[in-house]
Amino acid sequence: DVLLTDDLVTYMKSTNAISQENEKIVEEIFLRGDLVKFAKTIPNQEIMSKDFAEIREFVKRSTKDIEVENLRSMNSGEQENFRNKNT
C-alpha cells in the first residue's frame, strides 16, 4: 500500500507518537515536498534551509524522546546501570 501525505499526517496525529509541535513541522515539510514532487515547485533557499534545520531538530528531539521512553520502561536497577554508564 502507498500512503499519501494526508494518510501519514492522519496516522501520525491519531497515534500521538510525536509531539504536536513535531507533527506540525513534519506536516508542513511533507506538504511542501508534495509541491516539489507533483507541482514541480522549487522552494527558495531560505525555505530549504529552514526545512533542513527543522528536520535536524526534529530528529534530535525524537531521539531524546525515544531515550526517555526507554528509560521509563526500564526497572530501577536498569535505570541506575544506564545512568552510571552514561555519566
N, C-alpha and C. Protein backbone atom coordinates (compact mmCIF):
# COMPACT_ATOMS: atom_id res chain seq x y z
N ASP A 1 0.82 -1.19 0.00
CA ASP A 1 0.00 0.00 0.00
C ASP A 1 0.87 1.26 0.00
N VAL A 2 0.38 2.25 -0.68
CA VAL A 2 1.06 3.54 -0.73
C VAL A 2 0.32 4.50 0.19
N LEU A 3 1.07 5.15 1.06
CA LEU A 3 0.47 6.16 1.93
C LEU A 3 0.73 7.54 1.35
N LEU A 4 -0.30 8.32 1.24
CA LEU A 4 -0.17 9.69 0.80
C LEU A 4 0.12 10.58 2.00
N THR A 5 0.51 11.81 1.74
CA THR A 5 0.82 12.74 2.82
C THR A 5 -0.34 12.85 3.80
N ASP A 6 -1.55 12.98 3.30
CA ASP A 6 -2.72 13.07 4.18
C ASP A 6 -2.85 11.83 5.06
N ASP A 7 -2.59 10.65 4.47
CA ASP A 7 -2.66 9.41 5.25
C ASP A 7 -1.62 9.40 6.36
N LEU A 8 -0.40 9.80 6.02
CA LEU A 8 0.68 9.83 7.01
C LEU A 8 0.38 10.81 8.14
N VAL A 9 -0.10 11.98 7.78
CA VAL A 9 -0.41 13.01 8.78
C VAL A 9 -1.54 12.53 9.69
N THR A 10 -2.58 11.96 9.11
CA THR A 10 -3.70 11.44 9.90
C THR A 10 -3.22 10.35 10.85
N TYR A 11 -2.41 9.44 10.35
CA TYR A 11 -1.87 8.37 11.18
C TYR A 11 -1.02 8.93 12.32
N MET A 12 -0.16 9.87 11.97
CA MET A 12 0.74 10.48 12.94
C MET A 12 -0.07 11.12 14.08
N LYS A 13 -1.11 11.84 13.71
CA LYS A 13 -1.93 12.52 14.72
C LYS A 13 -2.75 11.53 15.55
N SER A 14 -3.21 10.46 14.94
CA SER A 14 -4.05 9.50 15.66
C SER A 14 -3.26 8.66 16.65
N THR A 15 -1.97 8.47 16.40
CA THR A 15 -1.16 7.63 17.29
C THR A 15 -0.49 8.41 18.40
N ASN A 16 -0.45 9.73 18.27
CA ASN A 16 0.24 10.57 19.26
C ASN A 16 1.67 10.10 19.49
N ALA A 17 2.31 9.62 18.43
CA ALA A 17 3.67 9.09 18.54
C ALA A 17 4.70 10.20 18.72
N ILE A 18 4.38 11.39 18.23
CA ILE A 18 5.30 12.51 18.37
C ILE A 18 4.52 13.71 18.90
N SER A 19 5.25 14.70 19.37
CA SER A 19 4.60 15.88 19.94
C SER A 19 3.82 16.65 18.87
N GLN A 20 2.88 17.45 19.32
CA GLN A 20 2.11 18.27 18.38
C GLN A 20 3.01 19.24 17.64
N GLU A 21 4.02 19.76 18.32
CA GLU A 21 4.98 20.66 17.67
C GLU A 21 5.67 19.94 16.52
N ASN A 22 6.13 18.73 16.77
CA ASN A 22 6.79 17.96 15.71
C ASN A 22 5.82 17.57 14.60
N GLU A 23 4.58 17.25 14.97
CA GLU A 23 3.56 16.94 13.96
C GLU A 23 3.41 18.09 12.98
N LYS A 24 3.32 19.29 13.52
CA LYS A 24 3.13 20.48 12.68
C LYS A 24 4.31 20.67 11.73
N ILE A 25 5.51 20.53 12.26
CA ILE A 25 6.72 20.71 11.44
C ILE A 25 6.75 19.68 10.32
N VAL A 26 6.53 18.42 10.67
CA VAL A 26 6.58 17.35 9.67
C VAL A 26 5.49 17.53 8.63
N GLU A 27 4.29 17.88 9.06
CA GLU A 27 3.19 18.09 8.12
C GLU A 27 3.52 19.19 7.12
N GLU A 28 4.03 20.32 7.60
CA GLU A 28 4.37 21.43 6.71
C GLU A 28 5.44 21.02 5.70
N ILE A 29 6.44 20.29 6.16
CA ILE A 29 7.52 19.88 5.27
C ILE A 29 7.02 18.85 4.26
N PHE A 30 6.17 17.91 4.70
CA PHE A 30 5.59 16.94 3.76
C PHE A 30 4.77 17.65 2.68
N LEU A 31 3.97 18.64 3.10
CA LEU A 31 3.13 19.35 2.12
C LEU A 31 3.99 20.12 1.12
N ARG A 32 5.07 20.74 1.60
CA ARG A 32 5.98 21.41 0.65
C ARG A 32 6.65 20.40 -0.25
N GLY A 33 6.96 19.23 0.29
CA GLY A 33 7.55 18.16 -0.53
C GLY A 33 6.61 17.73 -1.63
N ASP A 34 5.32 17.67 -1.32
CA ASP A 34 4.33 17.35 -2.36
C ASP A 34 4.34 18.39 -3.47
N LEU A 35 4.47 19.66 -3.09
CA LEU A 35 4.52 20.71 -4.12
C LEU A 35 5.74 20.53 -5.02
N VAL A 36 6.85 20.15 -4.42
CA VAL A 36 8.07 19.93 -5.21
C VAL A 36 7.88 18.73 -6.13
N LYS A 37 7.34 17.65 -5.58
CA LYS A 37 7.22 16.41 -6.35
C LYS A 37 6.15 16.50 -7.44
N PHE A 38 4.98 17.01 -7.10
CA PHE A 38 3.86 16.95 -8.03
C PHE A 38 3.65 18.23 -8.83
N ALA A 39 3.92 19.38 -8.25
CA ALA A 39 3.69 20.64 -8.95
C ALA A 39 4.98 21.22 -9.50
N LYS A 40 6.09 20.52 -9.24
CA LYS A 40 7.42 20.94 -9.73
C LYS A 40 7.79 22.34 -9.23
N THR A 41 7.27 22.70 -8.05
CA THR A 41 7.62 23.96 -7.42
C THR A 41 9.01 23.84 -6.82
N ILE A 42 9.81 24.88 -6.95
CA ILE A 42 11.14 24.88 -6.35
C ILE A 42 11.16 25.93 -5.25
N PRO A 43 11.31 25.48 -3.98
CA PRO A 43 11.33 26.45 -2.88
C PRO A 43 12.61 27.28 -2.92
N ASN A 44 12.54 28.47 -2.35
CA ASN A 44 13.73 29.30 -2.32
C ASN A 44 14.72 28.78 -1.27
N GLN A 45 15.92 29.30 -1.31
CA GLN A 45 16.99 28.84 -0.43
C GLN A 45 16.63 29.00 1.04
N GLU A 46 15.95 30.08 1.37
CA GLU A 46 15.57 30.32 2.77
C GLU A 46 14.65 29.22 3.30
N ILE A 47 13.65 28.85 2.51
CA ILE A 47 12.72 27.79 2.92
C ILE A 47 13.44 26.45 3.02
N MET A 48 14.31 26.15 2.05
CA MET A 48 15.06 24.89 2.10
C MET A 48 15.94 24.82 3.34
N SER A 49 16.61 25.91 3.66
CA SER A 49 17.47 25.94 4.85
C SER A 49 16.65 25.79 6.12
N LYS A 50 15.50 26.46 6.17
CA LYS A 50 14.61 26.38 7.33
C LYS A 50 14.10 24.95 7.51
N ASP A 51 13.66 24.32 6.42
CA ASP A 51 13.17 22.95 6.49
C ASP A 51 14.27 21.99 6.96
N PHE A 52 15.47 22.17 6.43
CA PHE A 52 16.59 21.31 6.81
C PHE A 52 16.88 21.44 8.31
N ALA A 53 16.91 22.67 8.79
CA ALA A 53 17.18 22.92 10.21
C ALA A 53 16.07 22.32 11.09
N GLU A 54 14.82 22.47 10.65
CA GLU A 54 13.70 21.93 11.44
C GLU A 54 13.72 20.41 11.47
N ILE A 55 14.05 19.78 10.36
CA ILE A 55 14.12 18.32 10.34
C ILE A 55 15.26 17.84 11.23
N ARG A 56 16.39 18.54 11.20
CA ARG A 56 17.52 18.17 12.06
C ARG A 56 17.10 18.26 13.54
N GLU A 57 16.42 19.33 13.91
CA GLU A 57 15.95 19.48 15.29
C GLU A 57 14.90 18.43 15.64
N PHE A 58 14.04 18.12 14.68
CA PHE A 58 13.03 17.07 14.87
C PHE A 58 13.71 15.74 15.20
N VAL A 59 14.75 15.40 14.47
CA VAL A 59 15.47 14.15 14.72
C VAL A 59 16.11 14.17 16.10
N LYS A 60 16.72 15.28 16.47
CA LYS A 60 17.32 15.39 17.80
C LYS A 60 16.28 15.22 18.90
N ARG A 61 15.15 15.91 18.76
CA ARG A 61 14.09 15.81 19.77
C ARG A 61 13.52 14.39 19.82
N SER A 62 13.34 13.79 18.66
CA SER A 62 12.79 12.43 18.60
C SER A 62 13.71 11.43 19.26
N THR A 63 15.01 11.60 19.05
CA THR A 63 15.98 10.72 19.68
C THR A 63 15.90 10.84 21.19
N LYS A 64 15.79 12.06 21.69
CA LYS A 64 15.66 12.26 23.14
C LYS A 64 14.37 11.65 23.66
N ASP A 65 13.28 11.80 22.90
CA ASP A 65 12.00 11.21 23.30
C ASP A 65 12.12 9.70 23.41
N ILE A 66 12.81 9.08 22.48
CA ILE A 66 12.98 7.63 22.50
C ILE A 66 13.81 7.22 23.71
N GLU A 67 14.87 7.97 24.00
CA GLU A 67 15.70 7.66 25.17
C GLU A 67 14.89 7.76 26.46
N VAL A 68 14.07 8.79 26.57
CA VAL A 68 13.23 8.96 27.76
C VAL A 68 12.24 7.80 27.87
N GLU A 69 11.63 7.44 26.77
CA GLU A 69 10.66 6.33 26.78
C GLU A 69 11.34 5.02 27.17
N ASN A 70 12.56 4.81 26.66
CA ASN A 70 13.30 3.60 27.03
C ASN A 70 13.61 3.59 28.52
N LEU A 71 13.98 4.74 29.06
CA LEU A 71 14.25 4.83 30.50
C LEU A 71 13.00 4.52 31.32
N ARG A 72 11.87 5.02 30.86
CA ARG A 72 10.61 4.77 31.58
C ARG A 72 10.29 3.29 31.63
N SER A 73 10.64 2.57 30.57
CA SER A 73 10.29 1.15 30.50
C SER A 73 11.28 0.26 31.27
N MET A 74 12.41 0.81 31.70
CA MET A 74 13.39 0.04 32.46
C MET A 74 12.97 -0.03 33.93
N ASN A 75 13.42 -1.10 34.59
CA ASN A 75 13.21 -1.14 36.03
C ASN A 75 14.26 -0.28 36.71
N SER A 76 14.14 -0.06 38.00
CA SER A 76 15.03 0.89 38.69
C SER A 76 16.49 0.46 38.64
N GLY A 77 16.79 -0.83 38.72
CA GLY A 77 18.17 -1.30 38.63
C GLY A 77 18.77 -1.04 37.26
N GLU A 78 17.99 -1.27 36.22
CA GLU A 78 18.46 -0.99 34.86
C GLU A 78 18.69 0.50 34.66
N GLN A 79 17.81 1.34 35.23
CA GLN A 79 17.99 2.79 35.12
C GLN A 79 19.28 3.23 35.78
N GLU A 80 19.57 2.69 36.96
CA GLU A 80 20.79 3.05 37.67
C GLU A 80 22.02 2.64 36.86
N ASN A 81 22.01 1.44 36.30
CA ASN A 81 23.13 0.99 35.46
C ASN A 81 23.30 1.90 34.25
N PHE A 82 22.18 2.30 33.62
CA PHE A 82 22.23 3.18 32.46
C PHE A 82 22.84 4.52 32.84
N ARG A 83 22.39 5.09 33.96
CA ARG A 83 22.91 6.39 34.40
C ARG A 83 24.41 6.31 34.69
N ASN A 84 24.83 5.26 35.38
CA ASN A 84 26.26 5.11 35.71
C ASN A 84 27.11 4.95 34.46
N LYS A 85 26.59 4.25 33.47
CA LYS A 85 27.32 4.02 32.23
C LYS A 85 27.44 5.29 31.40
N ASN A 86 26.46 6.18 31.49
CA ASN A 86 26.42 7.38 30.65
C ASN A 86 26.83 8.65 31.37
N THR A 87 27.48 8.55 32.52
CA THR A 87 27.96 9.76 33.20
C THR A 87 29.45 9.76 33.29
